[in-house]
Amino acid sequence: MSDKKLNFYPSEFKESAVKLAIESDHPIAQTAKDLGINVNTLHTWISKYSKPKEEAMHTSNHHFDEIKQLKKELARVTQERDLLKKAAAYFAKESL
C-alpha cells in the first residue's frame, strides 16, 4: 500500500486559496507551494470554485432582470388587492 497521507481541507480554505491564486501576482505553482498543497490540487480547486467573469456577469444580469419583473408583478398584485378591498367594502355597504 502507499504511504500517501490524504489531507482534508475545509471549503473556506479552498475558496481562500483559489482567491489568492487568482488575485496574486505570483504563479499558481508558487502559491500552491506557499500554501503547502500540490499544484494539481490547486488547479482542481480553481476549476471547481472560480467562476468565469462572463458567467458571473450573466448571472448578475439575470438576477437584475428577475428582480425587475418581480417588482412589476408585485405592483400589479397590490393594485388588484386594493381594488378587491374597495369592491368588498362597497358591496358590504350595499347589503346593509
Protein backbone atom coordinates (compact mmCIF):
# COMPACT_ATOMS: atom_id res chain seq x y z
CA MET A 1 0.00 0.00 0.00
CA SER A 2 1.12 3.57 -0.44
CA ASP A 3 2.24 5.79 2.39
CA LYS A 4 0.49 8.86 0.97
CA LYS A 5 -1.42 10.87 3.53
CA LEU A 6 -4.87 12.07 2.50
CA ASN A 7 -5.45 15.65 3.55
CA PHE A 8 -8.83 17.14 4.22
CA TYR A 9 -9.15 20.85 3.60
CA PRO A 10 -12.21 22.85 4.66
CA SER A 11 -14.11 24.60 1.89
CA GLU A 12 -13.22 28.01 3.36
CA PHE A 13 -9.52 27.18 2.94
CA LYS A 14 -10.10 26.00 -0.62
CA GLU A 15 -12.00 29.16 -1.56
CA SER A 16 -9.37 31.38 0.05
CA ALA A 17 -6.60 29.51 -1.77
CA VAL A 18 -8.41 29.95 -5.09
CA LYS A 19 -8.94 33.65 -4.45
CA LEU A 20 -5.29 34.08 -3.51
CA ALA A 21 -4.10 32.16 -6.57
CA ILE A 22 -6.28 34.18 -8.95
CA GLU A 23 -5.65 37.61 -7.46
CA SER A 24 -1.95 37.13 -6.70
CA ASP A 25 0.83 38.31 -8.99
CA HIS A 26 2.69 35.07 -8.28
CA PRO A 27 2.39 31.94 -10.44
CA ILE A 28 -0.15 29.37 -9.31
CA ALA A 29 2.65 26.88 -8.67
CA GLN A 30 4.31 29.33 -6.26
CA THR A 31 1.04 29.99 -4.46
CA ALA A 32 0.46 26.24 -4.08
CA LYS A 33 3.98 25.79 -2.71
CA ASP A 34 3.48 28.66 -0.24
CA LEU A 35 0.24 27.09 0.97
CA GLY A 36 1.80 23.63 1.22
CA ILE A 37 -0.52 21.97 -1.27
CA ASN A 38 0.01 20.18 -4.55
CA VAL A 39 -0.17 22.42 -7.62
CA ASN A 40 -2.58 19.99 -9.31
CA THR A 41 -4.85 20.16 -6.28
CA LEU A 42 -4.91 23.96 -6.51
CA HIS A 43 -5.70 23.81 -10.23
CA THR A 44 -8.58 21.43 -9.46
CA TRP A 45 -9.92 23.81 -6.84
CA ILE A 46 -9.61 26.76 -9.22
CA SER A 47 -11.69 25.00 -11.85
CA LYS A 48 -14.25 23.99 -9.22
CA TYR A 49 -14.54 27.15 -7.11
CA SER A 50 -13.92 30.01 -9.51
CA LYS A 51 -16.49 31.37 -11.91
CA PRO A 52 -15.56 32.88 -15.22
CA LYS A 53 -16.19 36.62 -15.16
CA GLU A 54 -18.56 36.34 -18.12
CA GLU A 55 -20.73 33.80 -16.30
CA ALA A 56 -20.80 35.93 -13.15
CA MET A 57 -21.85 38.96 -15.21
CA HIS A 58 -24.60 36.95 -16.93
CA THR A 59 -25.86 35.73 -13.56
CA SER A 60 -25.93 39.31 -12.26
CA ASN A 61 -27.93 40.49 -15.26
CA HIS A 62 -30.30 37.55 -14.88
CA HIS A 63 -30.94 38.41 -11.22
CA PHE A 64 -31.45 42.09 -12.07
CA ASP A 65 -34.00 41.21 -14.76
CA GLU A 66 -35.78 38.80 -12.43
CA ILE A 67 -35.98 41.42 -9.66
CA LYS A 68 -37.33 43.99 -12.12
CA GLN A 69 -40.00 41.55 -13.33
CA LEU A 70 -40.96 40.60 -9.75
CA LYS A 71 -41.31 44.26 -8.75
CA LYS A 72 -43.72 44.84 -11.67
CA GLU A 73 -45.72 41.77 -10.69
CA LEU A 74 -45.83 42.90 -7.05
CA ALA A 75 -47.16 46.32 -8.07
CA ARG A 76 -49.86 44.70 -10.23
CA VAL A 77 -50.93 42.29 -7.48
CA THR A 78 -51.00 45.12 -4.92
CA GLN A 79 -53.31 47.14 -7.19
CA GLU A 80 -55.59 44.13 -7.66
CA ARG A 81 -55.72 43.56 -3.90
CA ASP A 82 -56.58 47.21 -3.23
CA LEU A 83 -59.29 47.12 -5.88
CA LEU A 84 -60.80 43.96 -4.36
CA LYS A 85 -60.75 45.55 -0.89
CA LYS A 86 -62.68 48.56 -2.22
CA ALA A 87 -65.16 46.33 -4.03
CA ALA A 88 -65.69 44.23 -0.92
CA ALA A 89 -66.29 47.39 1.16
CA TYR A 90 -68.69 48.71 -1.47
CA PHE A 91 -70.75 45.50 -1.56
CA ALA A 92 -70.74 45.27 2.22
CA LYS A 93 -72.36 48.72 2.38
CA GLU A 94 -74.94 47.71 -0.25
CA SER A 95 -76.05 44.65 1.70
CA LEU A 96 -76.70 46.58 4.92
